[in-house]
């Protein structure tokens, strides 16, 4: 197992624990344990693997045997928690086996997570959604912060790079360097790509499912997500993409057609542009006015807005 992704990022005590655990994995003789006693890990590792991939590995195991044992740790209740070997375990289940060769190690939560990350981060077959989650989990681990805080920090650093905020604290600068170095080591990407791909966290659940099950790319998922306000149309397109294996260009055309059709069905707001122009003028003029004049105009505008609200309220019920 290659754990070089941890070099120069995690401090020495953590690195030593991980190296020791890796040595144990390489040295300890595997034992056969009941599959029924193996639990999934508490942290994210894979959300979906195709049945074809599991069957392919199962056939290989049936003919040649298991090349590498899975890695687990013993839990206080006597059961085991899987650390490494999700597909191998699924392949054994497919073959109807009730036991599987495993290396059993004694490690804490932190080291178990680090070992899983080192395995996941170096896989090339993860879908874009699982890859993003894996990166977030990893950054959460090395920064010792929860996932929401990691995303918040990454966004703030990106806003600084983009010139939207003026300065960062020394701690934020340090975290920014760690995030950039980490993303480069994990997948050769940068902070801008990471921030862009965070959009996948907010796509429609049906689209997340398609990413996981059918290996949709980030760009395809974002394109289809433009239809999230038209769920029926969106589901029809998802089905069409899967059944007909539509290209990205074909999907873009279909999305454009659907949005055009839906736009024509909507009654346009005849005052939309007028309100935009008024808002533009207020933004341009308001800050330049002296306080006395500003207060006078503010009262007039508020009165007019109240009159408009009164007119609209009659029709809301």
Protein backbone atom coordinates (compact mmCIF):
# COMPACT_ATOMS: atom_id res chain seq x y z
CA UNK A 1 0.00 0.00 0.00
CA UNK A 2 1.38 3.41 -1.00
CA UNK A 3 0.99 5.96 1.81
CA UNK A 4 3.19 8.65 0.27
CA UNK A 5 0.14 10.92 -0.11
CA UNK A 6 0.48 11.60 3.61
CA UNK A 7 4.10 12.80 3.40
CA UNK A 8 4.67 16.46 4.28
CA UNK A 9 0.96 16.99 5.02
CA UNK A 10 0.15 15.06 8.17
CA UNK A 11 2.36 15.67 11.19
CA UNK A 12 4.93 13.06 12.26
CA UNK A 13 2.96 11.30 15.07
CA UNK A 14 0.06 10.57 12.69
CA UNK A 15 2.40 9.52 9.90
CA UNK A 16 4.20 7.11 12.22
CA UNK A 17 0.90 5.51 13.30
CA UNK A 18 -0.12 5.05 9.67
CA UNK A 19 3.26 3.59 8.70
CA UNK A 20 3.11 1.18 11.62
CA UNK A 21 -0.39 0.06 10.65
CA UNK A 22 0.75 -0.45 7.04
CA UNK A 23 3.67 -2.59 8.18
CA UNK A 24 1.23 -4.67 10.25
CA UNK A 25 -1.00 -5.21 7.20
CA UNK A 26 1.99 -6.44 5.20
CA UNK A 27 3.30 -8.71 7.97
CA UNK A 28 0.24 -10.20 9.69
CA UNK A 29 -0.99 -13.56 8.41
CA UNK A 30 -4.60 -13.40 7.18
CA UNK A 31 -7.31 -15.44 8.87
CA UNK A 32 -10.73 -16.47 7.62
CA UNK A 33 -13.58 -14.60 9.34
CA UNK A 34 -17.39 -14.82 8.99
CA UNK A 35 -18.73 -12.36 6.41
CA UNK A 36 -21.90 -11.96 8.50
CA UNK A 37 -19.82 -10.38 11.28
CA UNK A 38 -18.27 -7.67 9.07
CA UNK A 39 -19.77 -4.17 9.33
CA UNK A 40 -19.37 -1.25 6.94
CA UNK A 41 -17.16 1.64 8.11
CA UNK A 42 -18.65 4.71 9.78
CA UNK A 43 -17.15 7.01 7.16
CA UNK A 44 -17.88 7.25 3.44
CA UNK A 45 -15.95 5.01 1.12
CA UNK A 46 -17.99 3.82 -1.89
CA UNK A 47 -21.62 4.53 -2.62
CA UNK A 48 -22.02 2.19 -5.60
CA UNK A 49 -20.16 -0.42 -7.62
CA UNK A 50 -21.65 -1.94 -10.75
CA UNK A 51 -22.84 -5.53 -10.60
CA UNK A 52 -20.73 -6.26 -13.68
CA UNK A 53 -17.55 -5.28 -11.82
CA UNK A 54 -18.47 -7.46 -8.84
CA UNK A 55 -19.29 -10.45 -11.09
CA UNK A 56 -16.03 -10.00 -13.02
CA UNK A 57 -13.97 -10.06 -9.82
CA UNK A 58 -16.02 -12.98 -8.47
CA UNK A 59 -15.27 -15.06 -11.58
CA UNK A 60 -11.58 -14.19 -11.27
CA UNK A 61 -11.56 -15.22 -7.59
CA UNK A 62 -13.38 -18.45 -8.43
CA UNK A 63 -10.70 -19.36 -10.97
CA UNK A 64 -7.51 -18.01 -9.38
CA UNK A 65 -8.37 -17.36 -5.73
CA UNK A 66 -8.19 -14.10 -3.76
CA UNK A 67 -5.02 -12.17 -4.58
CA UNK A 68 -5.17 -9.89 -1.55
CA UNK A 69 -7.08 -10.32 1.72
CA UNK A 70 -9.41 -7.61 2.95
CA UNK A 71 -8.40 -5.49 5.97
CA UNK A 72 -10.62 -5.17 9.04
CA UNK A 73 -10.39 -4.13 12.66
CA UNK A 74 -11.97 -5.83 15.66
CA UNK A 75 -14.77 -3.90 17.37
CA UNK A 76 -15.58 -4.00 21.11
CA UNK A 77 -18.71 -6.10 20.50
CA UNK A 78 -16.65 -8.83 18.82
CA UNK A 79 -17.66 -7.97 15.24
CA UNK A 80 -15.37 -6.51 12.57
CA UNK A 81 -15.31 -3.21 10.72
CA UNK A 82 -14.18 -3.25 7.11
CA UNK A 83 -11.31 -0.89 6.33
CA UNK A 84 -10.16 -2.06 2.89
CA UNK A 85 -11.77 -4.49 0.43
CA UNK A 86 -15.34 -3.45 -0.41
CA UNK A 87 -15.48 -5.06 -3.88
CA UNK A 88 -13.65 -8.19 -2.71
CA UNK A 89 -16.22 -8.62 0.04
CA UNK A 90 -19.12 -8.13 -2.41
CA UNK A 91 -17.55 -10.67 -4.78
CA UNK A 92 -17.37 -13.27 -2.00
CA UNK A 93 -21.01 -12.59 -1.13
CA UNK A 94 -21.92 -13.05 -4.82
CA UNK A 95 -20.17 -16.41 -4.80
CA UNK A 96 -22.21 -17.44 -1.78
CA UNK A 97 -19.16 -17.77 0.49
CA UNK A 98 -19.71 -17.30 4.22
CA UNK A 99 -16.08 -16.61 5.18
CA UNK A 100 -13.31 -14.46 3.69
CA UNK A 101 -9.54 -14.13 4.27
CA UNK A 102 -8.83 -10.95 6.25
CA UNK A 103 -5.96 -9.17 7.95
CA UNK A 104 -7.22 -8.14 11.39
CA UNK A 105 -5.48 -5.08 12.85
CA UNK A 106 -5.91 -3.09 16.04
CA UNK A 107 -6.12 0.62 15.16
CA UNK A 108 -8.06 3.68 16.35
CA UNK A 109 -10.66 5.61 14.33
CA UNK A 110 -8.12 8.09 13.02
CA UNK A 111 -5.74 5.46 11.66
CA UNK A 112 -8.58 3.36 10.20
CA UNK A 113 -9.84 6.43 8.33
CA UNK A 114 -6.32 7.28 7.12
CA UNK A 115 -5.82 3.76 5.75
CA UNK A 116 -9.15 3.89 3.92
CA UNK A 117 -8.32 7.32 2.51
CA UNK A 118 -4.93 6.12 1.26
CA UNK A 119 -6.71 3.30 -0.56
CA UNK A 120 -9.61 5.38 -1.93
CA UNK A 121 -7.57 8.41 -2.92
CA UNK A 122 -5.39 6.35 -5.23
CA UNK A 123 -8.26 4.54 -7.02
CA UNK A 124 -8.90 5.56 -10.58
CA UNK A 125 -12.29 3.85 -10.86
CA UNK A 126 -14.25 6.03 -8.43
CA UNK A 127 -17.12 7.99 -9.96
CA UNK A 128 -16.94 11.79 -9.78
CA UNK A 129 -19.32 11.99 -6.81
CA UNK A 130 -17.46 9.41 -4.69
CA UNK A 131 -14.17 11.06 -5.66
CA UNK A 132 -15.43 14.43 -4.40
CA UNK A 133 -16.67 12.93 -1.13
CA UNK A 134 -13.36 11.11 -0.70
CA UNK A 135 -11.49 14.41 -1.11
CA UNK A 136 -13.74 16.17 1.40
CA UNK A 137 -13.31 13.30 3.91
CA UNK A 138 -9.55 13.47 3.47
CA UNK A 139 -9.37 17.24 3.94
CA UNK A 140 -11.63 16.91 6.98
CA UNK A 141 -9.18 14.38 8.40
CA UNK A 142 -5.96 16.31 7.86
CA UNK A 143 -7.42 19.70 8.90
CA UNK A 144 -9.18 18.13 11.90
CA UNK A 145 -12.44 19.90 11.02
CA UNK A 146 -15.91 18.69 10.09
CA UNK A 147 -16.84 18.48 6.40
CA UNK A 148 -19.04 21.61 6.41
CA UNK A 149 -16.18 23.64 7.90
CA UNK A 150 -13.76 22.29 5.28
CA UNK A 151 -16.09 23.44 2.49
CA UNK A 152 -16.49 26.84 4.15
CA UNK A 153 -12.70 27.28 4.45
CA UNK A 154 -12.13 26.20 0.84
CA UNK A 155 -14.74 28.69 -0.41
CA UNK A 156 -13.20 31.52 1.62
CA UNK A 157 -9.71 30.81 0.28
CA UNK A 158 -11.08 30.63 -3.27
CA UNK A 159 -12.82 34.00 -2.74
CA UNK A 160 -9.48 35.46 -1.62
CA UNK A 161 -7.72 34.11 -4.71
CA UNK A 162 -10.55 35.51 -6.86
CA UNK A 163 -10.19 38.94 -5.20
CA UNK A 164 -13.61 38.89 -3.53
CA UNK A 165 -12.15 39.28 -0.03
CA UNK A 166 -9.12 41.33 0.92
CA UNK A 167 -7.14 39.18 3.33
CA UNK A 168 -6.80 35.87 5.15
CA UNK A 169 -5.61 35.09 8.65
CA UNK A 170 -2.25 33.28 9.02
CA UNK A 171 -4.18 30.12 9.94
CA UNK A 172 -6.36 30.40 6.81
CA UNK A 173 -3.25 30.86 4.66
CA UNK A 174 -1.74 27.71 6.17
CA UNK A 175 -4.97 25.77 5.58
CA UNK A 176 -5.15 27.07 2.02
CA UNK A 177 -1.67 25.74 1.30
CA UNK A 178 -2.57 22.34 2.76
CA UNK A 179 -5.76 22.18 0.67
CA UNK A 180 -3.96 23.11 -2.56
CA UNK A 181 -1.11 20.62 -1.95
CA UNK A 182 -3.54 17.89 -0.97
CA UNK A 183 -5.77 18.27 -4.04
CA UNK A 184 -2.70 18.24 -6.28
CA UNK A 185 -1.43 15.03 -4.66
CA UNK A 186 -4.78 13.27 -4.65
CA UNK A 187 -5.87 13.88 -8.21
CA UNK A 188 -3.75 16.57 -9.84
CA UNK A 189 -6.59 19.10 -9.53
CA UNK A 190 -6.66 22.57 -7.99
CA UNK A 191 -8.91 24.58 -5.68
CA UNK A 192 -10.93 26.07 -8.54
CA UNK A 193 -11.86 22.58 -9.82
CA UNK A 194 -12.68 21.42 -6.30
CA UNK A 195 -15.00 24.42 -5.71
CA UNK A 196 -16.70 23.85 -9.07
CA UNK A 197 -17.30 20.19 -8.28
CA UNK A 198 -18.92 21.02 -4.95
CA UNK A 199 -22.00 21.74 -7.08
CA UNK A 200 -22.49 17.96 -7.23
CA UNK A 201 -23.48 17.99 -3.55
CA UNK A 202 -26.60 19.98 -4.47
CA UNK A 203 -27.77 18.25 -7.63
CA UNK A 204 -31.11 16.41 -7.63
CA UNK A 205 -31.04 13.01 -5.91
CA UNK A 206 -31.99 11.25 -9.16
CA UNK A 207 -28.91 12.76 -10.79
CA UNK A 208 -26.66 11.70 -7.89
CA UNK A 209 -27.99 8.19 -8.41
CA UNK A 210 -27.12 8.36 -12.12
CA UNK A 211 -23.57 9.54 -11.33
CA UNK A 212 -23.06 6.60 -8.96
CA UNK A 213 -24.74 3.88 -11.02
CA UNK A 214 -23.89 4.93 -14.56
CA UNK A 215 -20.61 6.81 -14.08
CA UNK A 216 -21.94 10.16 -15.29
CA UNK A 217 -19.32 12.88 -15.48
CA UNK A 218 -19.55 16.07 -13.45
CA UNK A 219 -20.32 18.15 -16.56
CA UNK A 220 -23.16 15.86 -17.68
CA UNK A 221 -24.70 15.88 -14.19
CA UNK A 222 -24.63 19.69 -13.99
CA UNK A 223 -26.20 19.99 -17.45
CA UNK A 224 -29.14 17.71 -16.57
CA UNK A 225 -29.53 19.45 -13.21
CA UNK A 226 -30.65 22.56 -15.10
CA UNK A 227 -34.02 20.77 -15.29
CA UNK A 228 -34.38 20.25 -11.52
CA UNK A 229 -37.39 22.63 -11.49
CA UNK A 230 -39.11 20.33 -13.99
CA UNK A 231 -38.70 16.93 -12.25
CA UNK A 232 -40.86 14.95 -14.67
CA UNK A 233 -39.03 16.29 -17.71
CA UNK A 234 -35.73 15.71 -15.92
CA UNK A 235 -36.56 12.06 -15.13
CA UNK A 236 -37.64 11.49 -18.73
CA UNK A 237 -34.32 12.84 -19.96
CA UNK A 238 -32.34 10.76 -17.44
CA UNK A 239 -34.10 7.65 -18.72
CA UNK A 240 -33.44 8.67 -22.33
CA UNK A 241 -29.73 9.26 -21.64
CA UNK A 242 -29.36 5.83 -20.05
CA UNK A 243 -31.37 3.93 -22.67
CA UNK A 244 -29.96 5.68 -25.75
CA UNK A 245 -26.49 6.50 -24.39
CA UNK A 246 -26.83 10.14 -25.50
CA UNK A 247 -23.67 12.18 -26.00
CA UNK A 248 -22.99 15.34 -23.99
CA UNK A 249 -23.80 17.44 -27.07
CA UNK A 250 -27.12 15.65 -27.57
CA UNK A 251 -27.98 16.19 -23.90
CA UNK A 252 -27.19 19.90 -24.16
CA UNK A 253 -29.57 20.21 -27.12
CA UNK A 254 -32.32 18.31 -25.30
CA UNK A 255 -31.96 20.50 -22.18
CA UNK A 256 -32.08 23.63 -24.32
CA UNK A 257 -35.22 22.38 -26.09
CA UNK A 258 -36.98 21.52 -22.82
CA UNK A 259 -36.11 24.83 -21.18
CA UNK A 260 -37.31 26.66 -24.28
CA UNK A 261 -40.63 24.80 -24.25
CA UNK A 262 -41.15 25.47 -20.55
CA UNK A 263 -40.19 29.14 -20.93
CA UNK A 264 -42.86 29.59 -23.58
CA UNK A 265 -45.47 28.11 -21.24
CA UNK A 266 -44.70 30.63 -18.52
CA UNK A 267 -46.46 34.01 -18.54
CA UNK A 268 -43.80 36.66 -18.68
CA UNK A 269 -43.67 39.36 -16.03
CA UNK A 270 -44.20 42.59 -18.02
CA UNK A 271 -42.53 44.63 -15.26
CA UNK A 272 -39.37 42.53 -14.89
CA UNK A 273 -37.14 44.78 -16.99
CA UNK A 274 -38.67 47.95 -15.51
CA UNK A 275 -37.87 46.80 -11.96
CA UNK A 276 -34.34 45.90 -13.05
CA UNK A 277 -33.83 49.39 -14.46
CA UNK A 278 -35.24 51.05 -11.33
CA UNK A 279 -32.95 48.93 -9.15
CA UNK A 280 -29.97 49.91 -11.31
CA UNK A 281 -30.76 53.61 -10.99
CA UNK A 282 -31.26 53.41 -7.22
CA UNK A 283 -27.92 51.59 -6.81
CA UNK A 284 -26.15 54.21 -8.93
CA UNK A 285 -27.69 57.36 -7.44
CA UNK A 286 -28.60 56.48 -3.84
CA UNK A 287 -25.10 56.38 -2.33
CA UNK A 288 -24.21 59.79 -3.85
CA UNK A 289 -27.11 61.68 -2.27
CA UNK A 290 -26.71 63.75 0.91
CA UNK A 291 -28.39 62.24 3.99
CA UNK A 292 -31.32 64.70 4.00
CA UNK A 293 -32.16 64.07 0.34
CA UNK A 294 -31.65 60.32 0.73
CA UNK A 295 -34.13 60.13 3.61
CA UNK A 296 -36.67 62.12 1.60
CA UNK A 297 -36.42 59.81 -1.44
CA UNK A 298 -36.46 56.72 0.78
CA UNK A 299 -39.82 57.73 2.27
CA UNK A 300 -41.32 58.36 -1.19
CA UNK A 301 -40.09 55.00 -2.55
CA UNK A 302 -41.31 53.12 0.54
CA UNK A 303 -44.75 54.70 0.12
CA UNK A 304 -44.91 53.65 -3.54
CA UNK A 305 -43.77 50.11 -2.71
CA UNK A 306 -46.47 49.84 -0.05
CA UNK A 307 -49.08 50.89 -2.60
CA UNK A 308 -47.87 48.19 -5.01
CA UNK A 309 -47.98 45.56 -2.25
CA UNK A 310 -51.55 46.55 -1.37
CA UNK A 311 -52.62 46.10 -4.99
CA UNK A 312 -50.98 42.64 -5.23
CA UNK A 313 -52.34 41.45 -1.89
CA UNK A 314 -55.88 41.56 -3.30
CA UNK A 315 -55.00 38.80 -5.74
CA UNK A 316 -52.82 36.54 -3.52
CA UNK A 317 -55.76 34.69 -2.03
